[in-house]
């Protein structure tokens, strides 16, 4: 198996290798970034709306404000989302997708379509069974 991977990597020039193996994880890696981008592709959202929308996919386990703020800041620094702060009291901040971020829409749509097939549940079940075989037999 590793020989196949090595042969494949030899066929790729270094730019292709970096694009496949490094770029996606560094740009949208993290527990919540893909889901944040998906939410913002639909329409602009305020911080609280983003926070509530992330609850749906976390089995009720809320993302902490610190983590959400960090994820939003990283996406903003990478140019994938825009943060607009309104000069009002109480403070109002709205996040929206940038043109660069919108370029990820076909990829995100493919991920969502794949997720709708239920294949990820089989993969997760297999992973859990491998990690905790005694729980799988119960």
Foldseek 3Di string as FASTA:
>chain_A
DVVVVVVVVVVDDPVVVCVVPPPVCVQQNDDCRLVLLVVQLVDKDWPVVSQVSVCVPPVNDGDDPVVSVVSVVSNVVSVQKDWDWDPDPPTTIIIHGDPVNVVCVVVSVVVVVVVVVVVVVVVVVVVVCVVCVVVVVD
